Amino acid sequence: LVQAGGSLRLSCAASMSIFSIRNMGWYRQAPG
């Protein structure tokens, strides 16, 4: 939870080496 104007850093840890993973990304889904 953060106030408007604030910052967050998201992290994603993979269980394998990502060196050879060509495409990675962040998606989001809001209710509805």
Full PDB file with SEQRES, HELIX, SHEET, SSBOND, CRYST1, ORIGX, SCALE, CONECT and MASTER records, all heavy atoms in Angstrom:
SEQRES   1 A   32  LEU VAL GLN ALA GLY GLY SER LEU ARG LEU SER CYS ALA          
SEQRES   2 A   32  ALA SER MET SER ILE PHE SER ILE ARG ASN MET GLY TRP          
SEQRES   3 A   32  TYR ARG GLN ALA PRO GLY                                      
CRYST1    1.000    1.000    1.000  90.00  90.00  90.00 P 1           1          
ORIGX1      1.000000  0.000000  0.000000        0.00000                         
ORIGX2      0.000000  1.000000  0.000000        0.00000                         
ORIGX3      0.000000  0.000000  1.000000        0.00000                         
SCALE1      1.000000  0.000000  0.000000        0.00000                         
SCALE2      0.000000  1.000000  0.000000        0.00000                         
SCALE3      0.000000  0.000000  1.000000        0.00000                         
ATOM      1  N   LEU A   1       0.854  -1.189   0.000  1.00  0.00           N  
ATOM      2  CA  LEU A   1       0.000   0.000   0.000  1.00  0.00           C  
ATOM      3  C   LEU A   1       0.888   1.237   0.000  1.00  0.00           C  
ATOM      4  O   LEU A   1       1.796   1.359   0.831  1.00  0.00           O  
ATOM      5  CB  LEU A   1      -0.905  -0.007   1.225  1.00  0.00           C  
ATOM      6  CG  LEU A   1      -1.765   1.233   1.458  1.00  0.00           C  
ATOM      7  CD1 LEU A   1      -2.776   1.409   0.325  1.00  0.00           C  
ATOM      8  CD2 LEU A   1      -2.478   1.130   2.799  1.00  0.00           C  
ATOM      9  N   VAL A   2       0.633   2.133  -0.924  1.00  0.00           N  
ATOM     10  CA  VAL A   2       1.432   3.348  -1.036  1.00  0.00           C  
ATOM     11  C   VAL A   2       0.519   4.517  -1.395  1.00  0.00           C  
ATOM     12  O   VAL A   2      -0.522   4.318  -2.038  1.00  0.00           O  
ATOM     13  CB  VAL A   2       2.552   3.156  -2.092  1.00  0.00           C  
ATOM     14  CG1 VAL A   2       1.973   2.944  -3.475  1.00  0.00           C  
ATOM     15  CG2 VAL A   2       3.540   4.304  -2.075  1.00  0.00           C  
ATOM     16  N   GLN A   3       0.898   5.697  -0.979  1.00  0.00           N  
ATOM     17  CA  GLN A   3       0.122   6.884  -1.331  1.00  0.00           C  
ATOM     18  C   GLN A   3       0.434   7.319  -2.755  1.00  0.00           C  
ATOM     19  O   GLN A   3       1.530   7.037  -3.285  1.00  0.00           O  
ATOM     20  CB  GLN A   3       0.421   8.023  -0.361  1.00  0.00           C  
ATOM     21  CG  GLN A   3      -0.140   7.814   1.031  1.00  0.00           C  
ATOM     22  CD  GLN A   3       0.013   9.056   1.898  1.00  0.00           C  
ATOM     23  OE1 GLN A   3       0.950   9.835   1.728  1.00  0.00           O  
ATOM     24  NE2 GLN A   3      -0.914   9.233   2.829  1.00  0.00           N  
ATOM     25  N   ALA A   4      -0.495   7.998  -3.350  1.00  0.00           N  
ATOM     26  CA  ALA A   4      -0.286   8.531  -4.697  1.00  0.00           C  
ATOM     27  C   ALA A   4       0.979   9.392  -4.705  1.00  0.00           C  
ATOM     28  O   ALA A   4       1.225  10.164  -3.778  1.00  0.00           O  
ATOM     29  CB  ALA A   4      -1.495   9.351  -5.133  1.00  0.00           C  
ATOM     30  N   GLY A   5       1.765   9.213  -5.764  1.00  0.00           N  
ATOM     31  CA  GLY A   5       3.041   9.912  -5.862  1.00  0.00           C  
ATOM     32  C   GLY A   5       4.214   9.126  -5.319  1.00  0.00           C  
ATOM     33  O   GLY A   5       5.371   9.511  -5.536  1.00  0.00           O  
ATOM     34  N   GLY A   6       3.933   8.046  -4.626  1.00  0.00           N  
ATOM     35  CA  GLY A   6       4.991   7.231  -4.046  1.00  0.00           C  
ATOM     36  C   GLY A   6       5.592   6.251  -5.027  1.00  0.00           C  
ATOM     37  O   GLY A   6       5.255   6.241  -6.219  1.00  0.00           O  
ATOM     38  N   SER A   7       6.494   5.441  -4.518  1.00  0.00           N  
ATOM     39  CA  SER A   7       7.229   4.493  -5.353  1.00  0.00           C  
ATOM     40  C   SER A   7       7.224   3.106  -4.726  1.00  0.00           C  
ATOM     41  O   SER A   7       7.124   2.958  -3.497  1.00  0.00           O  
ATOM     42  CB  SER A   7       8.684   4.939  -5.534  1.00  0.00           C  
ATOM     43  OG  SER A   7       8.778   6.188  -6.160  1.00  0.00           O  
ATOM     44  N   LEU A   8       7.327   2.117  -5.575  1.00  0.00           N  
ATOM     45  CA  LEU A   8       7.507   0.727  -5.155  1.00  0.00           C  
ATOM     46  C   LEU A   8       8.436   0.054  -6.154  1.00  0.00           C  
ATOM     47  O   LEU A   8       8.462   0.420  -7.335  1.00  0.00           O  
ATOM     48  CB  LEU A   8       6.180  -0.028  -5.130  1.00  0.00           C  
ATOM     49  CG  LEU A   8       5.201   0.232  -3.991  1.00  0.00           C  
ATOM     50  CD1 LEU A   8       3.888  -0.499  -4.253  1.00  0.00           C  
ATOM     51  CD2 LEU A   8       5.786  -0.192  -2.657  1.00  0.00           C  
ATOM     52  N   ARG A   9       9.167  -0.944  -5.671  1.00  0.00           N  
ATOM     53  CA  ARG A   9       9.949  -1.773  -6.587  1.00  0.00           C  
ATOM     54  C   ARG A   9       9.500  -3.218  -6.425  1.00  0.00           C  
ATOM     55  O   ARG A   9       9.611  -3.798  -5.349  1.00  0.00           O  
ATOM     56  CB  ARG A   9      11.450  -1.664  -6.335  1.00  0.00           C  
ATOM     57  CG  ARG A   9      12.250  -2.395  -7.413  1.00  0.00           C  
ATOM     58  CD  ARG A   9      13.746  -2.221  -7.275  1.00  0.00           C  
ATOM     59  NE  ARG A   9      14.322  -3.152  -6.321  1.00  0.00           N  
ATOM     60  CZ  ARG A   9      15.587  -3.563  -6.352  1.00  0.00           C  
ATOM     61  NH1 ARG A   9      16.392  -3.114  -7.312  1.00  0.00           N  
ATOM     62  NH2 ARG A   9      16.053  -4.379  -5.440  1.00  0.00           N  
ATOM     63  N   LEU A  10       9.009  -3.755  -7.510  1.00  0.00           N  
ATOM     64  CA  LEU A  10       8.607  -5.152  -7.522  1.00  0.00           C  
ATOM     65  C   LEU A  10       9.775  -6.018  -7.972  1.00  0.00           C  
ATOM     66  O   LEU A  10      10.570  -5.610  -8.819  1.00  0.00           O  
ATOM     67  CB  LEU A  10       7.426  -5.366  -8.465  1.00  0.00           C  
ATOM     68  CG  LEU A  10       6.197  -4.494  -8.250  1.00  0.00           C  
ATOM     69  CD1 LEU A  10       5.090  -4.902  -9.223  1.00  0.00           C  
ATOM     70  CD2 LEU A  10       5.716  -4.553  -6.825  1.00  0.00           C  
ATOM     71  N   SER A  11       9.849  -7.200  -7.403  1.00  0.00           N  
ATOM     72  CA  SER A  11      10.873  -8.170  -7.795  1.00  0.00           C  
ATOM     73  C   SER A  11      10.207  -9.484  -8.173  1.00  0.00           C  
ATOM     74  O   SER A  11       9.152  -9.830  -7.641  1.00  0.00           O  
ATOM     75  CB  SER A  11      11.851  -8.419  -6.643  1.00  0.00           C  
ATOM     76  OG  SER A  11      12.525  -7.247  -6.274  1.00  0.00           O  
ATOM     77  N   CYS A  12      10.831 -10.191  -9.071  1.00  0.00           N  
ATOM     78  CA  CYS A  12      10.355 -11.506  -9.479  1.00  0.00           C  
ATOM     79  C   CYS A  12      11.553 -12.449  -9.480  1.00  0.00           C  
ATOM     80  O   CYS A  12      12.514 -12.228 -10.237  1.00  0.00           O  
ATOM     81  CB  CYS A  12       9.729 -11.441 -10.858  1.00  0.00           C  
ATOM     82  SG  CYS A  12       9.315 -13.054 -11.571  1.00  0.00           S  
ATOM     83  N   ALA A  13      11.505 -13.446  -8.622  1.00  0.00           N  
ATOM     84  CA  ALA A  13      12.590 -14.418  -8.530  1.00  0.00           C  
ATOM     85  C   ALA A  13      12.220 -15.670  -9.319  1.00  0.00           C  
ATOM     86  O   ALA A  13      11.127 -16.224  -9.130  1.00  0.00           O  
ATOM     87  CB  ALA A  13      12.850 -14.775  -7.080  1.00  0.00           C  
ATOM     88  N   ALA A  14      13.120 -16.087 -10.182  1.00  0.00           N  
ATOM     89  CA  ALA A  14      12.885 -17.273 -11.003  1.00  0.00           C  
ATOM     90  C   ALA A  14      13.628 -18.471 -10.422  1.00  0.00           C  
ATOM     91  O   ALA A  14      14.698 -18.330  -9.831  1.00  0.00           O  
ATOM     92  CB  ALA A  14      13.339 -17.022 -12.436  1.00  0.00           C  
ATOM     93  N   SER A  15      13.046 -19.648 -10.625  1.00  0.00           N  
ATOM     94  CA  SER A  15      13.644 -20.876 -10.083  1.00  0.00           C  
ATOM     95  C   SER A  15      14.674 -21.483 -11.026  1.00  0.00           C  
ATOM     96  O   SER A  15      15.216 -22.546 -10.738  1.00  0.00           O  
ATOM     97  CB  SER A  15      12.546 -21.906  -9.802  1.00  0.00           C  
ATOM     98  OG  SER A  15      11.891 -22.258 -11.001  1.00  0.00           O  
ATOM     99  N   MET A  16      14.912 -20.792 -12.146  1.00  0.00           N  
ATOM    100  CA  MET A  16      15.903 -21.257 -13.089  1.00  0.00           C  
ATOM    101  C   MET A  16      16.666 -20.055 -13.629  1.00  0.00           C  
ATOM    102  O   MET A  16      16.272 -18.916 -13.412  1.00  0.00           O  
ATOM    103  CB  MET A  16      15.241 -21.998 -14.256  1.00  0.00           C  
ATOM    104  CG  MET A  16      14.292 -21.146 -15.075  1.00  0.00           C  
ATOM    105  SD  MET A  16      13.622 -21.969 -16.535  1.00  0.00           S  
ATOM    106  CE  MET A  16      14.989 -21.756 -17.673  1.00  0.00           C  
ATOM    107  N   SER A  17      17.730 -20.320 -14.319  1.00  0.00           N  
ATOM    108  CA  SER A  17      18.485 -19.230 -14.915  1.00  0.00           C  
ATOM    109  C   SER A  17      17.626 -18.512 -15.945  1.00  0.00           C  
ATOM    110  O   SER A  17      16.987 -19.144 -16.786  1.00  0.00           O  
ATOM    111  CB  SER A  17      19.744 -19.777 -15.594  1.00  0.00           C  
ATOM    112  OG  SER A  17      20.372 -18.757 -16.357  1.00  0.00           O  
ATOM    113  N   ILE A  18      17.602 -17.193 -15.864  1.00  0.00           N  
ATOM    114  CA  ILE A  18      16.816 -16.428 -16.821  1.00  0.00           C  
ATOM    115  C   ILE A  18      17.682 -15.933 -17.978  1.00  0.00           C  
ATOM    116  O   ILE A  18      17.193 -15.245 -18.872  1.00  0.00           O  
ATOM    117  CB  ILE A  18      16.098 -15.238 -16.160  1.00  0.00           C  
ATOM    118  CG1 ILE A  18      17.108 -14.184 -15.691  1.00  0.00           C  
ATOM    119  CG2 ILE A  18      15.201 -15.709 -15.031  1.00  0.00           C  
ATOM    120  CD1 ILE A  18      16.444 -12.880 -15.255  1.00  0.00           C  
ATOM    121  N   PHE A  19      18.937 -16.299 -17.956  1.00  0.00           N  
ATOM    122  CA  PHE A  19      19.877 -15.806 -18.982  1.00  0.00           C  
ATOM    123  C   PHE A  19      19.367 -16.093 -20.389  1.00  0.00           C  
ATOM    124  O   PHE A  19      19.469 -15.264 -21.284  1.00  0.00           O  
ATOM    125  CB  PHE A  19      21.251 -16.447 -18.789  1.00  0.00           C  
ATOM    126  CG  PHE A  19      22.260 -15.993 -19.790  1.00  0.00           C  
ATOM    127  CD1 PHE A  19      22.907 -14.777 -19.628  1.00  0.00           C  
ATOM    128  CD2 PHE A  19      22.581 -16.765 -20.910  1.00  0.00           C  
ATOM    129  CE1 PHE A  19      23.840 -14.339 -20.562  1.00  0.00           C  
ATOM    130  CE2 PHE A  19      23.512 -16.333 -21.838  1.00  0.00           C  
ATOM    131  CZ  PHE A  19      24.145 -15.124 -21.661  1.00  0.00           C  
ATOM    132  N   SER A  20      18.790 -17.275 -20.567  1.00  0.00           N  
ATOM    133  CA  SER A  20      18.357 -17.661 -21.907  1.00  0.00           C  
ATOM    134  C   SER A  20      16.879 -17.404 -22.165  1.00  0.00           C  
ATOM    135  O   SER A  20      16.378 -17.728 -23.249  1.00  0.00           O  
ATOM    136  CB  SER A  20      18.653 -19.151 -22.129  1.00  0.00           C  
ATOM    137  OG  SER A  20      17.957 -19.930 -21.184  1.00  0.00           O  
ATOM    138  N   ILE A  21      16.185 -16.827 -21.202  1.00  0.00           N  
ATOM    139  CA  ILE A  21      14.753 -16.525 -21.423  1.00  0.00           C  
ATOM    140  C   ILE A  21      14.668 -15.244 -22.234  1.00  0.00           C  
ATOM    141  O   ILE A  21      15.077 -14.182 -21.772  1.00  0.00           O  
ATOM    142  CB  ILE A  21      13.999 -16.380 -20.098  1.00  0.00           C  
ATOM    143  CG1 ILE A  21      14.057 -17.682 -19.311  1.00  0.00           C  
ATOM    144  CG2 ILE A  21      12.542 -15.991 -20.380  1.00  0.00           C  
ATOM    145  CD1 ILE A  21      13.360 -17.604 -17.963  1.00  0.00           C  
ATOM    146  N   ARG A  22      14.133 -15.389 -23.421  1.00  0.00           N  
ATOM    147  CA  ARG A  22      14.147 -14.262 -24.357  1.00  0.00           C  
ATOM    148  C   ARG A  22      13.261 -13.122 -23.892  1.00  0.00           C  
ATOM    149  O   ARG A  22      13.665 -11.962 -23.907  1.00  0.00           O  
ATOM    150  CB  ARG A  22      13.728 -14.729 -25.743  1.00  0.00           C  
ATOM    151  CG  ARG A  22      13.832 -13.658 -26.813  1.00  0.00           C  
ATOM    152  CD  ARG A  22      13.606 -14.258 -28.182  1.00  0.00           C  
ATOM    153  NE  ARG A  22      14.614 -15.265 -28.518  1.00  0.00           N  
ATOM    154  CZ  ARG A  22      14.623 -15.962 -29.646  1.00  0.00           C  
ATOM    155  NH1 ARG A  22      13.670 -15.789 -30.540  1.00  0.00           N  
ATOM    156  NH2 ARG A  22      15.563 -16.848 -29.873  1.00  0.00           N  
ATOM    157  N   ASN A  23      12.049 -13.431 -23.511  1.00  0.00           N  
ATOM    158  CA  ASN A  23      11.096 -12.381 -23.180  1.00  0.00           C  
ATOM    159  C   ASN A  23      10.522 -12.568 -21.789  1.00  0.00           C  
ATOM    160  O   ASN A  23       9.997 -13.640 -21.462  1.00  0.00           O  
ATOM    161  CB  ASN A  23       9.949 -12.351 -24.193  1.00  0.00           C  
ATOM    162  CG  ASN A  23      10.430 -11.976 -25.579  1.00  0.00           C  
ATOM    163  OD1 ASN A  23      11.128 -10.992 -25.754  1.00  0.00           O  
ATOM    164  ND2 ASN A  23      10.062 -12.776 -26.574  1.00  0.00           N  
ATOM    165  N   MET A  24      10.610 -11.520 -21.009  1.00  0.00           N  
ATOM    166  CA  MET A  24      10.004 -11.494 -19.684  1.00  0.00           C  
ATOM    167  C   MET A  24       9.233 -10.183 -19.552  1.00  0.00           C  
ATOM    168  O   MET A  24       9.507  -9.215 -20.274  1.00  0.00           O  
ATOM    169  CB  MET A  24      11.063 -11.606 -18.584  1.00  0.00           C  
ATOM    170  CG  MET A  24      11.880 -12.883 -18.640  1.00  0.00           C  
ATOM    171  SD  MET A  24      12.932 -13.109 -17.185  1.00  0.00           S  
ATOM    172  CE  MET A  24      11.705 -13.547 -15.944  1.00  0.00           C  
ATOM    173  N   GLY A  25       8.285 -10.170 -18.635  1.00  0.00           N  
ATOM    174  CA  GLY A  25       7.509  -8.957 -18.506  1.00  0.00           C  
ATOM    175  C   GLY A  25       6.709  -8.894 -17.230  1.00  0.00           C  
ATOM    176  O   GLY A  25       6.652  -9.859 -16.455  1.00  0.00           O  
ATOM    177  N   TRP A  26       6.124  -7.750 -17.040  1.00  0.00           N  
ATOM    178  CA  TRP A  26       5.197  -7.512 -15.934  1.00  0.00           C  
ATOM    179  C   TRP A  26       3.830  -7.187 -16.515  1.00  0.00           C  
ATOM    180  O   TRP A  26       3.716  -6.349 -17.434  1.00  0.00           O  
ATOM    181  CB  TRP A  26       5.671  -6.344 -15.066  1.00  0.00           C  
ATOM    182  CG  TRP A  26       6.856  -6.652 -14.226  1.00  0.00           C  
ATOM    183  CD1 TRP A  26       8.169  -6.388 -14.507  1.00  0.00           C  
ATOM    184  CD2 TRP A  26       6.841  -7.296 -12.940  1.00  0.00           C  
ATOM    185  NE1 TRP A  26       8.967  -6.831 -13.486  1.00  0.00           N  
ATOM    186  CE2 TRP A  26       8.174  -7.379 -12.504  1.00  0.00           C  
ATOM    187  CE3 TRP A  26       5.840  -7.782 -12.108  1.00  0.00           C  
ATOM    188  CZ2 TRP A  26       8.534  -7.955 -11.293  1.00  0.00           C  
ATOM    189  CZ3 TRP A  26       6.200  -8.350 -10.904  1.00  0.00           C  
ATOM    190  CH2 TRP A  26       7.529  -8.436 -10.506  1.00  0.00           C  
ATOM    191  N   TYR A  27       2.818  -7.844 -15.973  1.00  0.00           N  
ATOM    192  CA  TYR A  27       1.434  -7.592 -16.335  1.00  0.00           C  
ATOM    193  C   TYR A  27       0.691  -7.190 -15.066  1.00  0.00           C  
ATOM    194  O   TYR A  27       1.165  -7.429 -13.953  1.00  0.00           O  
ATOM    195  CB  TYR A  27       0.788  -8.856 -16.917  1.00  0.00           C  
ATOM    196  CG  TYR A  27       1.253  -9.222 -18.300  1.00  0.00           C  
ATOM    197  CD1 TYR A  27       2.539  -9.712 -18.525  1.00  0.00           C  
ATOM    198  CD2 TYR A  27       0.409  -9.101 -19.398  1.00  0.00           C  
ATOM    199  CE1 TYR A  27       2.968 -10.054 -19.792  1.00  0.00           C  
ATOM    200  CE2 TYR A  27       0.825  -9.443 -20.675  1.00  0.00           C  
ATOM    201  CZ  TYR A  27       2.100  -9.917 -20.858  1.00  0.00           C  
ATOM    202  OH  TYR A  27       2.521 -10.252 -22.119  1.00  0.00           O  
ATOM    203  N   ARG A  28      -0.466  -6.617 -15.253  1.00  0.00           N  
ATOM    204  CA  ARG A  28      -1.298  -6.295 -14.095  1.00  0.00           C  
ATOM    205  C   ARG A  28      -2.769  -6.541 -14.428  1.00  0.00           C  
ATOM    206  O   ARG A  28      -3.167  -6.493 -15.589  1.00  0.00           O  
ATOM    207  CB  ARG A  28      -1.089  -4.850 -13.647  1.00  0.00           C  
ATOM    208  CG  ARG A  28      -1.600  -3.798 -14.601  1.00  0.00           C  
ATOM    209  CD  ARG A  28      -1.213  -2.407 -14.099  1.00  0.00           C  
ATOM    210  NE  ARG A  28      -1.722  -1.356 -14.978  1.00  0.00           N  
ATOM    211  CZ  ARG A  28      -1.388  -0.074 -14.854  1.00  0.00           C  
ATOM    212  NH1 ARG A  28      -0.556   0.316 -13.885  1.00  0.00           N  
ATOM    213  NH2 ARG A  28      -1.909   0.820 -15.668  1.00  0.00           N  
ATOM    214  N   GLN A  29      -3.512  -6.799 -13.384  1.00  0.00           N  
ATOM    215  CA  GLN A  29      -4.942  -7.018 -13.545  1.00  0.00           C  
ATOM    216  C   GLN A  29      -5.678  -6.367 -12.382  1.00  0.00           C  
ATOM    217  O   GLN A  29      -5.448  -6.704 -11.222  1.00  0.00           O  
ATOM    218  CB  GLN A  29      -5.263  -8.512 -13.608  1.00  0.00           C  
ATOM    219  CG  GLN A  29      -6.702  -8.804 -13.955  1.00  0.00           C  
ATOM    220  CD  GLN A  29      -6.939 -10.255 -14.310  1.00  0.00           C  
ATOM    221  OE1 GLN A  29      -6.143 -11.135 -13.977  1.00  0.00           O  
ATOM    222  NE2 GLN A  29      -8.023 -10.530 -15.013  1.00  0.00           N  
ATOM    223  N   ALA A  30      -6.541  -5.435 -12.731  1.00  0.00           N  
ATOM    224  CA  ALA A  30      -7.388  -4.770 -11.748  1.00  0.00           C  
ATOM    225  C   ALA A  30      -8.730  -5.494 -11.694  1.00  0.00           C  
ATOM    226  O   ALA A  30      -9.120  -6.153 -12.663  1.00  0.00           O  
ATOM    227  CB  ALA A  30      -7.576  -3.314 -12.122  1.00  0.00           C  
ATOM    228  N   PRO A  31      -9.443  -5.383 -10.593  1.00  0.00           N  
ATOM    229  CA  PRO A  31     -10.738  -6.057 -10.474  1.00  0.00           C  
ATOM    230  C   PRO A  31     -11.677  -5.675 -11.616  1.00  0.00           C  
ATOM    231  O   PRO A  31     -11.846  -4.490 -11.923  1.00  0.00           O  
ATOM    232  CB  PRO A  31     -11.271  -5.557  -9.132  1.00  0.00           C  
ATOM    233  CG  PRO A  31     -10.051  -5.229  -8.347  1.00  0.00           C  
ATOM    234  CD  PRO A  31      -9.070  -4.686  -9.342  1.00  0.00           C  
ATOM    235  N   GLY A  32     -12.257  -6.671 -12.249  1.00  0.00           N  
ATOM    236  CA  GLY A  32     -13.200  -6.431 -13.319  1.00  0.00           C  
ATOM    237  C   GLY A  32     -12.569  -6.076 -14.650  1.00  0.00           C  
ATOM    238  O   GLY A  32     -13.287  -5.781 -15.614  1.00  0.00           O  
TER     239      GLY A  32                                                      
MASTER        0    0    0    0    0    0    0    6  238    1    0    3          
END                                                                             
